[in-house]
Amino acid sequence: MSAPPAAQLAGVALRFGRSWVLRGIDLELRVGESVALFGPNGSGKSTLLRVLAGGLAPAKGEGRVFGFDLRDKLSVRQHVHLLGHDAGLYPDLTAAENLRFSLALHGQQGEAAQAALLSELGLEAHLGKRVRQLSAGLRKRVLLARLALVNSPLLLIDEPFANLDADSRELSLEVLSRLQRSGKTLLISSHEPELAEAVTGRSLRMEGGRLVAA
């Protein structure tokens, strides 16, 4: 029996109040592929990622992540990691404490890998600072470190290049490329096609809550 797709949606729809933000989404992500998701603000990209992460329940349709029904949120969240706009960092904890906490939630230690990655990302001098003291770019580097360290096979990444300088963008591209080569499945939402397509093999586009031709 063949392994299930990394993610599969059929007719998924979701509304906030009276407004439908997702309208009949059909999607399949193959294990190990890397996909770019484009579309204007308000098109539903971030909402789609939150549905796949188990954070929002569809009003219509069905979905599975590695064979687990989206309604089985515990199983879904054990296989998915979301890097979203709201970050998910605790502002009164230090960068190091945030990373340790996230790894502990995934049953990991990873000190050796963590040290090497933090050095590569230029975060060593900032580990003792509280997240609220960090610039937007440094917070994004902490999130990138967390993304690379957790063992989730499906990575959902919302605007990874926003608020980054040129050096940070290059680091982000390198880390994302490495994750893709390691066999992770990536879905990257971005407003910057030239950057996202550098680490993806397929493109999708959203408009008005629907997936349309890329």
N, C-alpha and C. Protein backbone atom coordinates (compact mmCIF):
# COMPACT_ATOMS: atom_id res chain seq x y z
N MET A 1 0.85 -1.20 0.00
CA MET A 1 0.00 0.00 0.00
C MET A 1 0.88 1.24 0.00
N SER A 2 0.57 2.20 -0.91
CA SER A 2 1.40 3.40 -1.01
C SER A 2 1.18 4.32 0.18
N ALA A 3 2.20 5.11 0.49
CA ALA A 3 2.10 6.05 1.60
C ALA A 3 1.14 7.17 1.24
N PRO A 4 0.43 7.73 2.21
CA PRO A 4 -0.51 8.83 1.92
C PRO A 4 0.24 10.10 1.56
N PRO A 5 -0.42 11.05 0.88
CA PRO A 5 0.21 12.34 0.60
C PRO A 5 0.54 13.07 1.90
N ALA A 6 1.44 14.04 1.81
CA ALA A 6 1.73 14.85 2.98
C ALA A 6 0.49 15.62 3.41
N ALA A 7 -0.29 16.11 2.45
CA ALA A 7 -1.53 16.82 2.75
C ALA A 7 -2.49 16.66 1.58
N GLN A 8 -3.76 16.59 1.91
CA GLN A 8 -4.78 16.42 0.88
C GLN A 8 -6.07 17.11 1.34
N LEU A 9 -6.58 18.03 0.52
CA LEU A 9 -7.81 18.74 0.80
C LEU A 9 -8.79 18.50 -0.33
N ALA A 10 -10.07 18.35 0.01
CA ALA A 10 -11.11 18.15 -0.99
C ALA A 10 -12.31 19.02 -0.64
N GLY A 11 -12.56 20.03 -1.46
CA GLY A 11 -13.73 20.89 -1.28
C GLY A 11 -13.73 21.68 0.01
N VAL A 12 -12.56 22.02 0.53
CA VAL A 12 -12.48 22.71 1.83
C VAL A 12 -12.94 24.16 1.70
N ALA A 13 -13.85 24.54 2.57
CA ALA A 13 -14.34 25.92 2.61
C ALA A 13 -14.40 26.37 4.07
N LEU A 14 -14.21 27.67 4.25
CA LEU A 14 -14.19 28.24 5.60
C LEU A 14 -14.69 29.67 5.52
N ARG A 15 -15.47 30.08 6.51
CA ARG A 15 -15.91 31.46 6.54
C ARG A 15 -15.69 32.06 7.92
N PHE A 16 -15.48 33.38 7.92
CA PHE A 16 -15.43 34.17 9.14
C PHE A 16 -16.67 35.05 9.14
N GLY A 17 -17.59 34.79 10.06
CA GLY A 17 -18.86 35.51 10.02
C GLY A 17 -19.63 35.15 8.77
N ARG A 18 -19.98 36.16 7.98
CA ARG A 18 -20.72 35.91 6.75
C ARG A 18 -19.82 35.83 5.52
N SER A 19 -18.52 36.02 5.71
CA SER A 19 -17.60 36.08 4.57
C SER A 19 -16.86 34.75 4.41
N TRP A 20 -16.95 34.18 3.22
CA TRP A 20 -16.20 32.96 2.91
C TRP A 20 -14.78 33.34 2.53
N VAL A 21 -13.81 32.81 3.27
CA VAL A 21 -12.40 33.12 3.00
C VAL A 21 -11.71 32.00 2.24
N LEU A 22 -12.24 30.79 2.34
CA LEU A 22 -11.79 29.68 1.50
C LEU A 22 -13.02 29.12 0.81
N ARG A 23 -12.88 28.85 -0.50
CA ARG A 23 -14.04 28.44 -1.30
C ARG A 23 -13.69 27.20 -2.12
N GLY A 24 -13.99 26.04 -1.58
CA GLY A 24 -13.83 24.79 -2.34
C GLY A 24 -12.40 24.48 -2.73
N ILE A 25 -11.51 24.45 -1.75
CA ILE A 25 -10.09 24.20 -2.02
C ILE A 25 -9.83 22.71 -2.21
N ASP A 26 -9.24 22.36 -3.36
CA ASP A 26 -8.74 21.01 -3.62
C ASP A 26 -7.22 21.11 -3.73
N LEU A 27 -6.53 20.31 -2.97
CA LEU A 27 -5.06 20.43 -2.93
C LEU A 27 -4.44 19.10 -2.53
N GLU A 28 -3.34 18.76 -3.17
CA GLU A 28 -2.56 17.60 -2.75
C GLU A 28 -1.08 17.97 -2.75
N LEU A 29 -0.43 17.73 -1.63
CA LEU A 29 1.02 17.93 -1.50
C LEU A 29 1.67 16.56 -1.38
N ARG A 30 2.57 16.26 -2.28
CA ARG A 30 3.27 14.98 -2.23
C ARG A 30 4.39 15.04 -1.19
N VAL A 31 4.66 13.92 -0.58
CA VAL A 31 5.72 13.85 0.42
C VAL A 31 7.05 14.26 -0.21
N GLY A 32 7.72 15.21 0.42
CA GLY A 32 9.04 15.62 -0.03
C GLY A 32 9.04 16.73 -1.07
N GLU A 33 7.87 17.19 -1.53
CA GLU A 33 7.89 18.26 -2.52
C GLU A 33 7.84 19.62 -1.84
N SER A 34 8.25 20.62 -2.59
CA SER A 34 8.30 22.00 -2.09
C SER A 34 7.47 22.87 -3.03
N VAL A 35 6.45 23.55 -2.47
CA VAL A 35 5.47 24.26 -3.28
C VAL A 35 5.39 25.72 -2.84
N ALA A 36 5.34 26.63 -3.81
CA ALA A 36 5.15 28.06 -3.54
C ALA A 36 3.68 28.41 -3.70
N LEU A 37 3.18 29.28 -2.80
CA LEU A 37 1.79 29.72 -2.83
C LEU A 37 1.77 31.24 -2.93
N PHE A 38 1.24 31.75 -4.04
CA PHE A 38 1.19 33.18 -4.28
C PHE A 38 -0.24 33.69 -4.27
N GLY A 39 -0.40 35.01 -4.21
CA GLY A 39 -1.72 35.62 -4.24
C GLY A 39 -1.72 36.93 -3.48
N PRO A 40 -2.66 37.82 -3.79
CA PRO A 40 -2.70 39.13 -3.13
C PRO A 40 -3.12 39.02 -1.67
N ASN A 41 -2.91 40.08 -0.92
CA ASN A 41 -3.38 40.14 0.46
C ASN A 41 -4.89 39.89 0.49
N GLY A 42 -5.33 39.10 1.47
CA GLY A 42 -6.74 38.81 1.60
C GLY A 42 -7.25 37.69 0.72
N SER A 43 -6.35 37.04 -0.02
CA SER A 43 -6.79 35.98 -0.92
C SER A 43 -7.03 34.65 -0.21
N GLY A 44 -6.55 34.52 1.05
CA GLY A 44 -6.78 33.30 1.81
C GLY A 44 -5.56 32.45 2.05
N LYS A 45 -4.38 32.93 1.67
CA LYS A 45 -3.16 32.13 1.80
C LYS A 45 -2.88 31.74 3.25
N SER A 46 -2.85 32.74 4.13
CA SER A 46 -2.55 32.47 5.54
C SER A 46 -3.61 31.58 6.17
N THR A 47 -4.87 31.79 5.80
CA THR A 47 -5.95 30.97 6.33
C THR A 47 -5.79 29.52 5.91
N LEU A 48 -5.40 29.30 4.66
CA LEU A 48 -5.18 27.94 4.18
C LEU A 48 -4.07 27.25 4.99
N LEU A 49 -3.00 27.97 5.26
CA LEU A 49 -1.92 27.38 6.05
C LEU A 49 -2.40 27.02 7.45
N ARG A 50 -3.22 27.87 8.05
CA ARG A 50 -3.73 27.60 9.40
C ARG A 50 -4.67 26.39 9.41
N VAL A 51 -5.42 26.21 8.35
CA VAL A 51 -6.26 25.01 8.25
C VAL A 51 -5.39 23.76 8.18
N LEU A 52 -4.36 23.79 7.35
CA LEU A 52 -3.47 22.63 7.22
C LEU A 52 -2.72 22.34 8.51
N ALA A 53 -2.49 23.37 9.32
CA ALA A 53 -1.79 23.18 10.58
C ALA A 53 -2.70 22.71 11.70
N GLY A 54 -3.99 22.58 11.42
CA GLY A 54 -4.92 22.15 12.45
C GLY A 54 -5.41 23.26 13.35
N GLY A 55 -5.13 24.51 12.97
CA GLY A 55 -5.54 25.63 13.82
C GLY A 55 -6.94 26.13 13.54
N LEU A 56 -7.46 25.86 12.34
CA LEU A 56 -8.81 26.26 11.96
C LEU A 56 -9.53 25.06 11.37
N ALA A 57 -10.77 24.86 11.76
CA ALA A 57 -11.55 23.72 11.26
C ALA A 57 -12.39 24.17 10.06
N PRO A 58 -12.34 23.46 8.94
CA PRO A 58 -13.16 23.84 7.78
C PRO A 58 -14.65 23.73 8.08
N ALA A 59 -15.44 24.61 7.47
CA ALA A 59 -16.89 24.52 7.58
C ALA A 59 -17.45 23.47 6.63
N LYS A 60 -16.74 23.25 5.52
CA LYS A 60 -17.14 22.26 4.52
C LYS A 60 -15.89 21.55 4.01
N GLY A 61 -16.11 20.36 3.45
CA GLY A 61 -15.01 19.63 2.84
C GLY A 61 -14.25 18.76 3.82
N GLU A 62 -13.25 18.08 3.30
CA GLU A 62 -12.45 17.15 4.09
C GLU A 62 -10.97 17.39 3.84
N GLY A 63 -10.15 17.02 4.82
CA GLY A 63 -8.72 17.16 4.66
C GLY A 63 -7.96 16.16 5.51
N ARG A 64 -6.78 15.80 5.03
CA ARG A 64 -5.91 14.88 5.77
C ARG A 64 -4.47 15.35 5.68
N VAL A 65 -3.72 15.08 6.73
CA VAL A 65 -2.28 15.34 6.77
C VAL A 65 -1.59 14.03 7.14
N PHE A 66 -0.79 13.53 6.22
CA PHE A 66 -0.14 12.23 6.39
C PHE A 66 -1.16 11.15 6.80
N GLY A 67 -2.34 11.23 6.21
CA GLY A 67 -3.39 10.25 6.47
C GLY A 67 -4.27 10.54 7.66
N PHE A 68 -3.94 11.54 8.46
CA PHE A 68 -4.73 11.88 9.65
C PHE A 68 -5.76 12.94 9.29
N ASP A 69 -7.00 12.70 9.68
CA ASP A 69 -8.07 13.65 9.44
C ASP A 69 -7.76 14.97 10.14
N LEU A 70 -8.08 16.09 9.49
CA LEU A 70 -7.82 17.39 10.08
C LEU A 70 -8.51 17.58 11.42
N ARG A 71 -9.61 16.84 11.63
CA ARG A 71 -10.31 16.95 12.90
C ARG A 71 -9.54 16.29 14.04
N ASP A 72 -8.57 15.44 13.71
CA ASP A 72 -7.69 14.83 14.71
C ASP A 72 -6.52 15.79 14.93
N LYS A 73 -6.79 16.88 15.63
CA LYS A 73 -5.83 17.98 15.71
C LYS A 73 -4.51 17.58 16.37
N LEU A 74 -4.57 16.71 17.37
CA LEU A 74 -3.34 16.31 18.05
C LEU A 74 -2.40 15.60 17.09
N SER A 75 -2.92 14.66 16.30
CA SER A 75 -2.08 13.93 15.34
C SER A 75 -1.56 14.86 14.25
N VAL A 76 -2.42 15.76 13.77
CA VAL A 76 -2.00 16.69 12.73
C VAL A 76 -0.86 17.57 13.23
N ARG A 77 -1.01 18.11 14.44
CA ARG A 77 0.00 19.03 14.95
C ARG A 77 1.32 18.34 15.26
N GLN A 78 1.31 17.02 15.42
CA GLN A 78 2.56 16.28 15.62
C GLN A 78 3.35 16.14 14.32
N HIS A 79 2.70 16.42 13.19
CA HIS A 79 3.35 16.26 11.89
C HIS A 79 3.57 17.57 11.16
N VAL A 80 3.09 18.68 11.73
CA VAL A 80 3.12 19.96 11.02
C VAL A 80 3.76 21.02 11.90
N HIS A 81 4.52 21.91 11.25
CA HIS A 81 5.01 23.09 11.96
C HIS A 81 4.72 24.31 11.10
N LEU A 82 4.09 25.31 11.70
CA LEU A 82 3.70 26.54 10.99
C LEU A 82 4.57 27.70 11.43
N LEU A 83 5.15 28.37 10.44
CA LEU A 83 5.81 29.64 10.69
C LEU A 83 4.87 30.70 10.14
N GLY A 84 4.15 31.38 11.06
CA GLY A 84 3.13 32.32 10.64
C GLY A 84 3.48 33.76 10.94
N HIS A 85 2.59 34.66 10.53
CA HIS A 85 2.81 36.10 10.77
C HIS A 85 2.86 36.42 12.26
N ASP A 86 2.03 35.72 13.05
CA ASP A 86 1.96 36.05 14.48
C ASP A 86 3.10 35.42 15.27
N ALA A 87 3.98 34.77 14.57
CA ALA A 87 5.25 34.26 15.13
C ALA A 87 5.08 33.11 16.11
N GLY A 88 4.29 33.28 17.15
CA GLY A 88 4.20 32.20 18.13
C GLY A 88 5.34 32.20 19.12
N LEU A 89 6.11 33.29 19.15
CA LEU A 89 7.18 33.43 20.13
C LEU A 89 6.62 34.10 21.38
N TYR A 90 7.21 33.75 22.51
CA TYR A 90 6.80 34.37 23.77
C TYR A 90 7.68 35.59 24.03
N PRO A 91 7.12 36.80 24.00
CA PRO A 91 7.95 38.01 24.03
C PRO A 91 8.74 38.21 25.30
N ASP A 92 8.28 37.67 26.44
CA ASP A 92 8.99 37.88 27.70
C ASP A 92 10.00 36.78 27.99
N LEU A 93 10.09 35.78 27.11
CA LEU A 93 11.15 34.78 27.21
C LEU A 93 12.29 35.18 26.30
N THR A 94 13.48 34.71 26.63
CA THR A 94 14.62 34.99 25.76
C THR A 94 14.52 34.14 24.50
N ALA A 95 15.36 34.48 23.53
CA ALA A 95 15.40 33.69 22.30
C ALA A 95 15.76 32.24 22.61
N ALA A 96 16.75 32.04 23.48
CA ALA A 96 17.15 30.68 23.84
C ALA A 96 16.03 29.92 24.53
N GLU A 97 15.32 30.59 25.43
CA GLU A 97 14.22 29.94 26.15
C GLU A 97 13.09 29.56 25.20
N ASN A 98 12.82 30.41 24.24
CA ASN A 98 11.80 30.09 23.24
C ASN A 98 12.17 28.84 22.45
N LEU A 99 13.42 28.74 22.03
CA LEU A 99 13.85 27.58 21.26
C LEU A 99 13.82 26.31 22.11
N ARG A 100 14.29 26.40 23.34
CA ARG A 100 14.26 25.22 24.21
C ARG A 100 12.83 24.76 24.45
N PHE A 101 11.93 25.70 24.65
CA PHE A 101 10.53 25.36 24.90
C PHE A 101 9.92 24.67 23.69
N SER A 102 10.19 25.20 22.51
CA SER A 102 9.64 24.61 21.30
C SER A 102 10.17 23.20 21.07
N LEU A 103 11.46 23.01 21.29
CA LEU A 103 12.04 21.68 21.13
C LEU A 103 11.46 20.70 22.14
N ALA A 104 11.26 21.17 23.37
CA ALA A 104 10.69 20.30 24.39
C ALA A 104 9.28 19.86 24.01
N LEU A 105 8.51 20.75 23.41
CA LEU A 105 7.16 20.40 22.97
C LEU A 105 7.18 19.29 21.92
N HIS A 106 8.27 19.21 21.17
CA HIS A 106 8.41 18.18 20.15
C HIS A 106 9.24 16.99 20.64
N GLY A 107 9.51 16.96 21.95
CA GLY A 107 10.27 15.84 22.50
C GLY A 107 11.69 15.77 22.04
N GLN A 108 12.30 16.93 21.80
CA GLN A 108 13.66 16.97 21.26
C GLN A 108 14.61 17.66 22.23
N GLN A 109 15.88 17.38 22.01
CA GLN A 109 16.95 18.10 22.70
C GLN A 109 17.74 18.91 21.67
N GLY A 110 18.58 18.23 20.90
CA GLY A 110 19.23 18.85 19.75
C GLY A 110 20.23 19.94 20.05
N GLU A 111 20.98 19.84 21.16
CA GLU A 111 21.89 20.93 21.50
C GLU A 111 22.98 21.14 20.45
N ALA A 112 23.55 20.03 19.95
CA ALA A 112 24.65 20.17 18.99
C ALA A 112 24.16 20.81 17.69
N ALA A 113 23.05 20.31 17.16
CA ALA A 113 22.50 20.89 15.94
C ALA A 113 22.08 22.33 16.17
N GLN A 114 21.55 22.61 17.35
CA GLN A 114 21.10 23.95 17.66
C GLN A 114 22.27 24.92 17.68
N ALA A 115 23.37 24.53 18.30
CA ALA A 115 24.54 25.42 18.39
C ALA A 115 25.07 25.76 17.00
N ALA A 116 25.18 24.76 16.13
CA ALA A 116 25.70 24.99 14.78
C ALA A 116 24.78 25.91 13.99
N LEU A 117 23.49 25.68 14.09
CA LEU A 117 22.53 26.49 13.34
C LEU A 117 22.50 27.92 13.84
N LEU A 118 22.53 28.10 15.15
CA LEU A 118 22.48 29.45 15.70
C LEU A 118 23.71 30.26 15.30
N SER A 119 24.83 29.59 15.22
CA SER A 119 26.05 30.25 14.76
C SER A 119 25.90 30.68 13.31
N GLU A 120 25.35 29.80 12.48
CA GLU A 120 25.16 30.10 11.07
C GLU A 120 24.21 31.29 10.88
N LEU A 121 23.17 31.36 11.72
CA LEU A 121 22.18 32.42 11.59
C LEU A 121 22.59 33.71 12.31
N GLY A 122 23.75 33.70 12.96
CA GLY A 122 24.22 34.90 13.63
C GLY A 122 23.40 35.28 14.85
N LEU A 123 22.89 34.26 15.55
CA LEU A 123 22.03 34.53 16.71
C LEU A 123 22.73 34.37 18.05
N GLU A 124 23.96 33.93 18.04
CA GLU A 124 24.64 33.60 19.31
C GLU A 124 24.66 34.79 20.27
N ALA A 125 24.88 35.98 19.75
CA ALA A 125 24.99 37.16 20.61
C ALA A 125 23.63 37.64 21.11
N HIS A 126 22.54 37.04 20.62
CA HIS A 126 21.21 37.53 20.96
C HIS A 126 20.38 36.52 21.75
N LEU A 127 20.98 35.38 22.09
CA LEU A 127 20.22 34.32 22.74
C LEU A 127 19.68 34.72 24.10
N GLY A 128 20.40 35.58 24.82
CA GLY A 128 19.97 35.97 26.15
C GLY A 128 19.00 37.14 26.17
N LYS A 129 18.67 37.69 25.01
CA LYS A 129 17.75 38.83 24.95
C LYS A 129 16.31 38.34 24.89
N ARG A 130 15.44 39.09 25.55
CA ARG A 130 14.02 38.78 25.45
C ARG A 130 13.54 39.08 24.03
N VAL A 131 12.61 38.28 23.56
CA VAL A 131 12.16 38.41 22.18
C VAL A 131 11.62 39.81 21.90
N ARG A 132 10.96 40.42 22.88
CA ARG A 132 10.41 41.77 22.64
C ARG A 132 11.51 42.80 22.42
N GLN A 133 12.76 42.47 22.77
CA GLN A 133 13.87 43.39 22.56
C GLN A 133 14.50 43.23 21.18
N LEU A 134 14.11 42.19 20.45
CA LEU A 134 14.74 41.91 19.17
C LEU A 134 14.05 42.65 18.03
N SER A 135 14.82 42.97 17.02
CA SER A 135 14.25 43.57 15.82
C SER A 135 13.40 42.54 15.09
N ALA A 136 12.58 43.01 14.16
CA ALA A 136 11.74 42.10 13.38
C ALA A 136 12.59 41.09 12.62
N GLY A 137 13.72 41.54 12.10
CA GLY A 137 14.60 40.63 11.37
C GLY A 137 15.19 39.54 12.25
N LEU A 138 15.59 39.92 13.47
CA LEU A 138 16.15 38.93 14.39
C LEU A 138 15.07 37.95 14.87
N ARG A 139 13.86 38.45 15.09
CA ARG A 139 12.77 37.53 15.46
C ARG A 139 12.52 36.52 14.35
N LYS A 140 12.61 36.98 13.10
CA LYS A 140 12.42 36.06 11.99
C LYS A 140 13.54 35.01 11.95
N ARG A 141 14.76 35.41 12.34
CA ARG A 141 15.85 34.43 12.38
C ARG A 141 15.63 33.40 13.48
N VAL A 142 15.07 33.83 14.61
CA VAL A 142 14.73 32.87 15.67
C VAL A 142 13.68 31.89 15.17
N LEU A 143 12.68 32.40 14.47
CA LEU A 143 11.65 31.53 13.91
C LEU A 143 12.23 30.56 12.89
N LEU A 144 13.17 31.04 12.09
CA LEU A 144 13.81 30.18 11.11
C LEU A 144 14.60 29.07 11.79
N ALA A 145 15.29 29.43 12.89
CA ALA A 145 16.01 28.41 13.65
C ALA A 145 15.06 27.37 14.20
N ARG A 146 13.94 27.82 14.74
CA ARG A 146 12.94 26.88 15.26
C ARG A 146 12.41 25.97 14.17
N LEU A 147 12.15 26.54 13.01
CA LEU A 147 11.64 25.77 11.88
C LEU A 147 12.62 24.67 11.49
N ALA A 148 13.91 25.00 11.49
CA ALA A 148 14.92 24.03 11.07
C ALA A 148 15.19 22.97 12.12
N LEU A 149 14.93 23.28 13.38
CA LEU A 149 15.29 22.36 14.46
C LEU A 149 14.20 21.34 14.77
N VAL A 150 12.94 21.72 14.60
CA VAL A 150 11.88 20.77 14.95
C VAL A 150 11.84 19.65 13.91
N ASN A 151 11.29 18.51 14.33
CA ASN A 151 11.33 17.33 13.45
C ASN A 151 10.05 17.12 12.66
N SER A 152 9.22 18.13 12.50
CA SER A 152 7.97 17.98 11.77
C SER A 152 8.23 17.75 10.28
N PRO A 153 7.56 16.77 9.66
CA PRO A 153 7.81 16.48 8.24
C PRO A 153 7.14 17.44 7.28
N LEU A 154 6.09 18.18 7.72
CA LEU A 154 5.42 19.15 6.87
C LEU A 154 5.61 20.54 7.46
N LEU A 155 6.22 21.43 6.68
CA LEU A 155 6.52 22.78 7.13
C LEU A 155 5.69 23.76 6.32
N LEU A 156 4.89 24.57 7.02
CA LEU A 156 4.03 25.58 6.41
C LEU A 156 4.61 26.94 6.75
N ILE A 157 5.00 27.70 5.74
CA ILE A 157 5.84 28.87 5.96
C ILE A 157 5.18 30.08 5.32
N ASP A 158 4.78 31.04 6.17
CA ASP A 158 4.04 32.21 5.71
C ASP A 158 4.96 33.42 5.64
N GLU A 159 5.23 33.89 4.44
CA GLU A 159 6.07 35.08 4.20
C GLU A 159 7.42 35.00 4.92
N PRO A 160 8.26 34.03 4.57
CA PRO A 160 9.53 33.89 5.28
C PRO A 160 10.54 34.99 5.00
N PHE A 161 10.34 35.76 3.94
CA PHE A 161 11.34 36.77 3.56
C PHE A 161 10.95 38.18 3.97
N ALA A 162 9.78 38.34 4.59
CA ALA A 162 9.35 39.67 5.01
C ALA A 162 10.24 40.21 6.12
N ASN A 163 10.54 41.50 6.07
CA ASN A 163 11.33 42.20 7.11
C ASN A 163 12.76 41.68 7.23
N LEU A 164 13.29 41.11 6.16
CA LEU A 164 14.66 40.62 6.21
C LEU A 164 15.56 41.46 5.31
N ASP A 165 16.79 41.69 5.78
CA ASP A 165 17.76 42.35 4.92
C ASP A 165 18.35 41.32 3.95
N ALA A 166 19.22 41.78 3.07
CA ALA A 166 19.75 40.91 2.01
C ALA A 166 20.48 39.70 2.58
N ASP A 167 21.29 39.91 3.63
CA ASP A 167 22.04 38.80 4.22
C ASP A 167 21.09 37.78 4.84
N SER A 168 20.07 38.27 5.52
CA SER A 168 19.12 37.36 6.16
C SER A 168 18.32 36.58 5.12
N ARG A 169 18.03 37.21 4.01
CA ARG A 169 17.32 36.51 2.94
C ARG A 169 18.16 35.37 2.39
N GLU A 170 19.44 35.63 2.20
CA GLU A 170 20.32 34.57 1.71
C GLU A 170 20.38 33.41 2.70
N LEU A 171 20.46 33.73 3.98
CA LEU A 171 20.47 32.69 5.01
C LEU A 171 19.16 31.91 4.98
N SER A 172 18.05 32.61 4.83
CA SER A 172 16.75 31.94 4.79
C SER A 172 16.67 30.99 3.61
N LEU A 173 17.11 31.45 2.46
CA LEU A 173 17.09 30.60 1.28
C LEU A 173 17.94 29.35 1.47
N GLU A 174 19.10 29.52 2.09
CA GLU A 174 19.98 28.37 2.32
C GLU A 174 19.33 27.37 3.27
N VAL A 175 18.75 27.86 4.37
CA VAL A 175 18.11 26.96 5.34
C VAL A 175 16.91 26.24 4.70
N LEU A 176 16.08 26.98 3.97
CA LEU A 176 14.92 26.37 3.33
C LEU A 176 15.34 25.34 2.27
N SER A 177 16.38 25.66 1.52
CA SER A 177 16.88 24.71 0.52
C SER A 177 17.38 23.43 1.18
N ARG A 178 18.05 23.60 2.31
CA ARG A 178 18.56 22.44 3.04
C ARG A 178 17.42 21.57 3.57
N LEU A 179 16.37 22.23 4.07
CA LEU A 179 15.21 21.49 4.56
C LEU A 179 14.54 20.72 3.42
N GLN A 180 14.45 21.35 2.26
CA GLN A 180 13.85 20.69 1.11
C GLN A 180 14.67 19.48 0.68
N ARG A 181 15.99 19.64 0.67
CA ARG A 181 16.86 18.52 0.27
C ARG A 181 16.82 17.38 1.27
N SER A 182 16.50 17.69 2.52
CA SER A 182 16.46 16.66 3.56
C SER A 182 15.19 15.81 3.49
N GLY A 183 14.26 16.16 2.61
CA GLY A 183 13.06 15.36 2.46
C GLY A 183 11.82 15.94 3.11
N LYS A 184 11.93 17.12 3.72
CA LYS A 184 10.75 17.77 4.29
C LYS A 184 9.80 18.20 3.16
N THR A 185 8.54 18.28 3.49
CA THR A 185 7.54 18.84 2.57
C THR A 185 7.31 20.29 2.96
N LEU A 186 7.45 21.21 2.00
CA LEU A 186 7.35 22.64 2.27
C LEU A 186 6.21 23.25 1.46
N LEU A 187 5.41 24.08 2.11
CA LEU A 187 4.44 24.94 1.43
C LEU A 187 4.75 26.36 1.87
N ILE A 188 5.22 27.19 0.93
CA ILE A 188 5.72 28.53 1.24
C ILE A 188 4.82 29.58 0.62
N SER A 189 4.17 30.37 1.46
CA SER A 189 3.37 31.50 1.01
C SER A 189 4.27 32.73 0.93
N SER A 190 4.19 33.44 -0.21
CA SER A 190 5.09 34.57 -0.37
C SER A 190 4.55 35.57 -1.38
N HIS A 191 4.95 36.84 -1.22
CA HIS A 191 4.68 37.87 -2.21
C HIS A 191 5.87 38.04 -3.15
N GLU A 192 6.91 37.26 -2.96
CA GLU A 192 8.15 37.45 -3.71
C GLU A 192 8.46 36.19 -4.52
N PRO A 193 7.93 36.10 -5.74
CA PRO A 193 8.08 34.87 -6.54
C PRO A 193 9.52 34.45 -6.76
N GLU A 194 10.39 35.42 -7.03
CA GLU A 194 11.77 35.05 -7.35
C GLU A 194 12.46 34.38 -6.18
N LEU A 195 12.08 34.73 -4.95
CA LEU A 195 12.68 34.11 -3.78
C LEU A 195 12.04 32.76 -3.48
N ALA A 196 10.72 32.71 -3.46
CA ALA A 196 10.04 31.46 -3.14
C ALA A 196 10.33 30.39 -4.18
N GLU A 197 10.34 30.78 -5.45
CA GLU A 197 10.55 29.79 -6.50
C GLU A 197 11.97 29.25 -6.52
N ALA A 198 12.88 29.95 -5.85
CA ALA A 198 14.26 29.47 -5.78
C ALA A 198 14.37 28.19 -4.96
N VAL A 199 13.40 27.93 -4.10
CA VAL A 199 13.47 26.74 -3.25
C VAL A 199 12.24 25.85 -3.42
N THR A 200 11.46 26.07 -4.50
CA THR A 200 10.27 25.25 -4.71
C THR A 200 10.26 24.69 -6.13
N GLY A 201 9.49 23.63 -6.31
CA GLY A 201 9.41 23.00 -7.61
C GLY A 201 8.06 23.18 -8.29
N ARG A 202 7.09 23.75 -7.60
CA ARG A 202 5.75 23.91 -8.15
C ARG A 202 5.13 25.16 -7.54
N SER A 203 4.30 25.85 -8.31
CA SER A 203 3.66 27.08 -7.83
C SER A 203 2.15 26.97 -7.89
N LEU A 204 1.49 27.55 -6.88
CA LEU A 204 0.04 27.66 -6.84
C LEU A 204 -0.31 29.13 -6.62
N ARG A 205 -1.53 29.50 -6.99
CA ARG A 205 -1.96 30.87 -6.80
C ARG A 205 -3.37 30.89 -6.23
N MET A 206 -3.58 31.81 -5.26
CA MET A 206 -4.90 31.98 -4.68
C MET A 206 -5.47 33.34 -5.04
N GLU A 207 -6.78 33.35 -5.34
CA GLU A 207 -7.51 34.59 -5.59
C GLU A 207 -8.91 34.41 -5.04
N GLY A 208 -9.33 35.32 -4.17
CA GLY A 208 -10.67 35.27 -3.65
C GLY A 208 -11.04 33.99 -2.94
N GLY A 209 -10.07 33.40 -2.25
CA GLY A 209 -10.33 32.18 -1.50
C GLY A 209 -10.31 30.90 -2.33
N ARG A 210 -9.91 31.01 -3.60
CA ARG A 210 -9.86 29.85 -4.47
C ARG A 210 -8.44 29.65 -5.01
N LEU A 211 -8.09 28.40 -5.24
CA LEU A 211 -6.85 28.10 -5.94
C LEU A 211 -7.12 28.19 -7.43
N VAL A 212 -6.29 28.97 -8.13
CA VAL A 212 -6.43 29.14 -9.57
C VAL A 212 -5.13 28.73 -10.22
N ALA A 213 -5.10 28.76 -11.54
CA ALA A 213 -3.89 28.36 -12.27
C ALA A 213 -2.72 29.26 -11.87
N ALA A 214 -1.56 28.65 -11.67
CA ALA A 214 -0.37 29.40 -11.27
C ALA A 214 0.11 30.26 -12.43
